[in-house]
C-alpha atoms as a PDB file:
ATOM      1  CA  UNK A   1      68.566 105.076 109.121  1.00  0.00           C
ATOM      2  CA  UNK A   2      72.361 104.754 109.525  1.00  0.00           C
ATOM      3  CA  UNK A   3      71.915 101.380 111.222  1.00  0.00           C
ATOM      4  CA  UNK A   4      69.692 100.250 108.347  1.00  0.00           C
ATOM      5  CA  UNK A   5      72.320 101.328 105.808  1.00  0.00           C
ATOM      6  CA  UNK A   6      75.049  99.623 107.816  1.00  0.00           C
ATOM      7  CA  UNK A   7      73.094  96.365 107.917  1.00  0.00           C
ATOM      8  CA  UNK A   8      72.486  96.646 104.174  1.00  0.00           C
ATOM      9  CA  UNK A   9      76.224  97.051 103.543  1.00  0.00           C
ATOM     10  CA  UNK A  10      77.030  94.116 105.801  1.00  0.00           C
ATOM     11  CA  UNK A  11      74.477  91.924 104.011  1.00  0.00           C
ATOM     12  CA  UNK A  12      75.996  92.823 100.626  1.00  0.00           C
ATOM     13  CA  UNK A  13      79.490  92.070 101.985  1.00  0.00           C
ATOM     14  CA  UNK A  14      78.330  88.747 103.440  1.00  0.00           C
ATOM     15  CA  UNK A  15      76.858  87.676 100.110  1.00  0.00           C
ATOM     16  CA  UNK A  16      80.050  88.755  98.327  1.00  0.00           C
ATOM     17  CA  UNK A  17      82.278  86.786 100.745  1.00  0.00           C
ATOM     18  CA  UNK A  18      80.088  83.697 100.471  1.00  0.00           C
ATOM     19  CA  UNK A  19      80.318  83.848  96.660  1.00  0.00           C
ATOM     20  CA  UNK A  20      84.113  83.959  97.041  1.00  0.00           C
ATOM     21  CA  UNK A  21      83.912  80.658  98.944  1.00  0.00           C
ATOM     22  CA  UNK A  22      84.435  82.006 102.458  1.00  0.00           C
ATOM     23  CA  UNK A  23      82.406  80.780 105.410  1.00  0.00           C
ATOM     24  CA  UNK A  24      80.816  83.536 107.510  1.00  0.00           C
ATOM     25  CA  UNK A  25      81.233  82.548 111.160  1.00  0.00           C
ATOM     26  CA  UNK A  26      79.843  85.593 112.947  1.00  0.00           C
ATOM     27  CA  UNK A  27      78.270  88.934 112.138  1.00  0.00           C
ATOM     28  CA  UNK A  28      78.560  91.947 114.431  1.00  0.00           C
ATOM     29  CA  UNK A  29      80.896  90.359 116.952  1.00  0.00           C
ATOM     30  CA  UNK A  30      81.193  92.594 120.024  1.00  0.00           C
ATOM     31  CA  UNK A  31      83.804  92.676 122.758  1.00  0.00           C
ATOM     32  CA  UNK A  32      84.663  95.278 125.366  1.00  0.00           C
ATOM     33  CA  UNK A  33      87.072  96.776 122.811  1.00  0.00           C
ATOM     34  CA  UNK A  34      84.636  97.259 119.954  1.00  0.00           C
ATOM     35  CA  UNK A  35      82.951  95.455 117.093  1.00  0.00           C
ATOM     36  CA  UNK A  36      83.975  93.470 114.035  1.00  0.00           C
ATOM     37  CA  UNK A  37      81.358  93.571 111.275  1.00  0.00           C
ATOM     38  CA  UNK A  38      82.032  90.090 109.874  1.00  0.00           C
ATOM     39  CA  UNK A  39      84.224  87.203 110.968  1.00  0.00           C
ATOM     40  CA  UNK A  40      84.770  84.734 108.141  1.00  0.00           C
ATOM     41  CA  UNK A  41      87.145  81.902 107.396  1.00  0.00           C
ATOM     42  CA  UNK A  42      88.691  79.897 104.659  1.00  0.00           C
ATOM     43  CA  UNK A  43      90.551  76.658 105.312  1.00  0.00           C
ATOM     44  CA  UNK A  44      93.502  78.203 107.166  1.00  0.00           C
ATOM     45  CA  UNK A  45      92.665  81.839 107.943  1.00  0.00           C
ATOM     46  CA  UNK A  46      90.250  83.784 110.131  1.00  0.00           C
ATOM     47  CA  UNK A  47      89.240  86.931 108.292  1.00  0.00           C
ATOM     48  CA  UNK A  48      88.037  89.948 110.245  1.00  0.00           C
ATOM     49  CA  UNK A  49      86.144  92.289 107.939  1.00  0.00           C
ATOM     50  CA  UNK A  50      85.284  95.951 108.409  1.00  0.00           C
ATOM     51  CA  UNK A  51      82.490  97.008 106.049  1.00  0.00           C
ATOM     52  CA  UNK A  52      82.187 100.613 104.906  1.00  0.00           C
ATOM     53  CA  UNK A  53      79.225 101.870 102.899  1.00  0.00           C
ATOM     54  CA  UNK A  54      79.948 105.106 101.057  1.00  0.00           C
ATOM     55  CA  UNK A  55      77.949 107.457  98.888  1.00  0.00           C
ATOM     56  CA  UNK A  56      79.340 108.306  95.487  1.00  0.00           C
ATOM     57  CA  UNK A  57      81.529 111.382  95.827  1.00  0.00           C
ATOM     58  CA  UNK A  58      82.154 110.931  99.560  1.00  0.00           C
ATOM     59  CA  UNK A  59      84.967 112.973 101.080  1.00  0.00           C
ATOM     60  CA  UNK A  60      87.007 109.854 101.819  1.00  0.00           C
ATOM     61  CA  UNK A  61      86.866 106.253 100.710  1.00  0.00           C
ATOM     62  CA  UNK A  62      85.740 103.488 103.022  1.00  0.00           C
ATOM     63  CA  UNK A  63      89.255 102.170 103.401  1.00  0.00           C
ATOM     64  CA  UNK A  64      90.494 105.652 104.364  1.00  0.00           C
ATOM     65  CA  UNK A  65      87.751 105.858 106.981  1.00  0.00           C
ATOM     66  CA  UNK A  66      89.284 102.980 108.944  1.00  0.00           C
ATOM     67  CA  UNK A  67      91.459 105.146 111.163  1.00  0.00           C
ATOM     68  CA  UNK A  68      94.406 104.036 113.274  1.00  0.00           C
ATOM     69  CA  UNK A  69      92.237 104.008 116.404  1.00  0.00           C
ATOM     70  CA  UNK A  70      89.537 101.983 114.595  1.00  0.00           C
ATOM     71  CA  UNK A  71      92.161  99.470 113.416  1.00  0.00           C
ATOM     72  CA  UNK A  72      93.390  99.117 116.996  1.00  0.00           C
ATOM     73  CA  UNK A  73      89.852  98.403 118.233  1.00  0.00           C
ATOM     74  CA  UNK A  74      89.276  95.847 115.475  1.00  0.00           C
ATOM     75  CA  UNK A  75      92.569  94.104 116.246  1.00  0.00           C
ATOM     76  CA  UNK A  76      91.860  93.937 119.989  1.00  0.00           C
ATOM     77  CA  UNK A  77      88.348  92.666 119.296  1.00  0.00           C
ATOM     78  CA  UNK A  78      89.762  90.047 116.914  1.00  0.00           C
ATOM     79  CA  UNK A  79      92.256  88.888 119.546  1.00  0.00           C
ATOM     80  CA  UNK A  80      89.342  88.565 121.967  1.00  0.00           C
ATOM     81  CA  UNK A  81      87.439  86.450 119.407  1.00  0.00           C
ATOM     82  CA  UNK A  82      90.484  84.228 118.857  1.00  0.00           C
ATOM     83  CA  UNK A  83      90.956  83.660 122.593  1.00  0.00           C
ATOM     84  CA  UNK A  84      87.248  82.898 123.146  1.00  0.00           C
ATOM     85  CA  UNK A  85      87.194  80.433 120.262  1.00  0.00           C
ATOM     86  CA  UNK A  86      90.584  78.792 120.866  1.00  0.00           C
ATOM     87  CA  UNK A  87      91.576  79.252 117.259  1.00  0.00           C
ATOM     88  CA  UNK A  88      95.061  78.638 115.963  1.00  0.00           C
ATOM     89  CA  UNK A  89      94.257  79.838 112.449  1.00  0.00           C
ATOM     90  CA  UNK A  90      96.138  82.774 110.948  1.00  0.00           C
ATOM     91  CA  UNK A  91      94.367  86.122 111.193  1.00  0.00           C
ATOM     92  CA  UNK A  92      93.762  88.559 108.354  1.00  0.00           C
ATOM     93  CA  UNK A  93      92.132  91.986 108.427  1.00  0.00           C
ATOM     94  CA  UNK A  94      90.155  93.124 105.391  1.00  0.00           C
ATOM     95  CA  UNK A  95      88.115  96.179 104.498  1.00  0.00           C
ATOM     96  CA  UNK A  96      85.171  95.952 102.130  1.00  0.00           C
ATOM     97  CA  UNK A  97      83.975  99.232 100.686  1.00  0.00           C
ATOM     98  CA  UNK A  98      80.560  99.305  99.063  1.00  0.00           C
ATOM     99  CA  UNK A  99      79.235 102.202  97.058  1.00  0.00           C
ATOM    100  CA  UNK A 100      75.695 103.187  98.023  1.00  0.00           C
ATOM    101  CA  UNK A 101      73.825 104.033  94.831  1.00  0.00           C
ATOM    102  CA  UNK A 102      71.128 105.757  96.862  1.00  0.00           C
ATOM    103  CA  UNK A 103      68.800 102.818  96.460  1.00  0.00           C
ATOM    104  CA  UNK A 104      69.398 101.073  99.776  1.00  0.00           C
ATOM    105  CA  UNK A 105      65.724 100.325 100.240  1.00  0.00           C
ATOM    106  CA  UNK A 106      65.693  98.671  96.811  1.00  0.00           C
ATOM    107  CA  UNK A 107      68.653  96.482  97.682  1.00  0.00           C
ATOM    108  CA  UNK A 108      71.037  97.956  95.108  1.00  0.00           C
ATOM    109  CA  UNK A 109      74.750  98.480  95.614  1.00  0.00           C
ATOM    110  CA  UNK A 110      77.315  99.974  93.290  1.00  0.00           C
ATOM    111  CA  UNK A 111      80.869  98.715  93.193  1.00  0.00           C
ATOM    112  CA  UNK A 112      82.406  96.513  95.860  1.00  0.00           C
ATOM    113  CA  UNK A 113      86.090  97.045  96.626  1.00  0.00           C
ATOM    114  CA  UNK A 114      87.672  94.309  98.754  1.00  0.00           C
ATOM    115  CA  UNK A 115      91.027  95.210 100.245  1.00  0.00           C
ATOM    116  CA  UNK A 116      92.575  92.034 101.629  1.00  0.00           C
ATOM    117  CA  UNK A 117      95.243  92.399 104.321  1.00  0.00           C
ATOM    118  CA  UNK A 118      94.259  96.034 104.801  1.00  0.00           C
ATOM    119  CA  UNK A 119      96.206  96.073 108.072  1.00  0.00           C
ATOM    120  CA  UNK A 120      97.950  93.616 110.390  1.00  0.00           C
ATOM    121  CA  UNK A 121      98.287  92.596 114.022  1.00  0.00           C
ATOM    122  CA  UNK A 122     101.433  94.713 114.171  1.00  0.00           C
ATOM    123  CA  UNK A 123      99.290  97.837 113.780  1.00  0.00           C
ATOM    124  CA  UNK A 124      98.120  97.531 117.383  1.00  0.00           C
ATOM    125  CA  UNK A 125     101.670  98.222 118.522  1.00  0.00           C
ATOM    126  CA  UNK A 126     102.188 101.156 116.133  1.00  0.00           C
ATOM    127  CA  UNK A 127      99.014 102.921 117.224  1.00  0.00           C
ATOM    128  CA  UNK A 128      99.253 104.994 120.395  1.00  0.00           C
END
């Protein structure tokens, strides 16, 4: 069920990003370091997106759930993507938090909070 909810959240985020005019390049990109939920781009930036689906009243927000170690894994995975795809675009790391209204099977989501530039490449060096 968690995988189903995760896929639902990612689908909502993908639709949201597309409406904002971004091009989704890859979903669920894996490397030996971890996974990036969505890789998108605009004309000059690669955007690596972590999607967090949260129930109303959750202990912590989706953006708070992206720990220092998770950020490090995302950054290393993003660097792997960049090297594999020979990209010279700027990189940006976003978090999209989606509220689960409890109607996942019905395809309903509550609010969507998009935190652009949630963290940076420099975070990999600050995280032990």
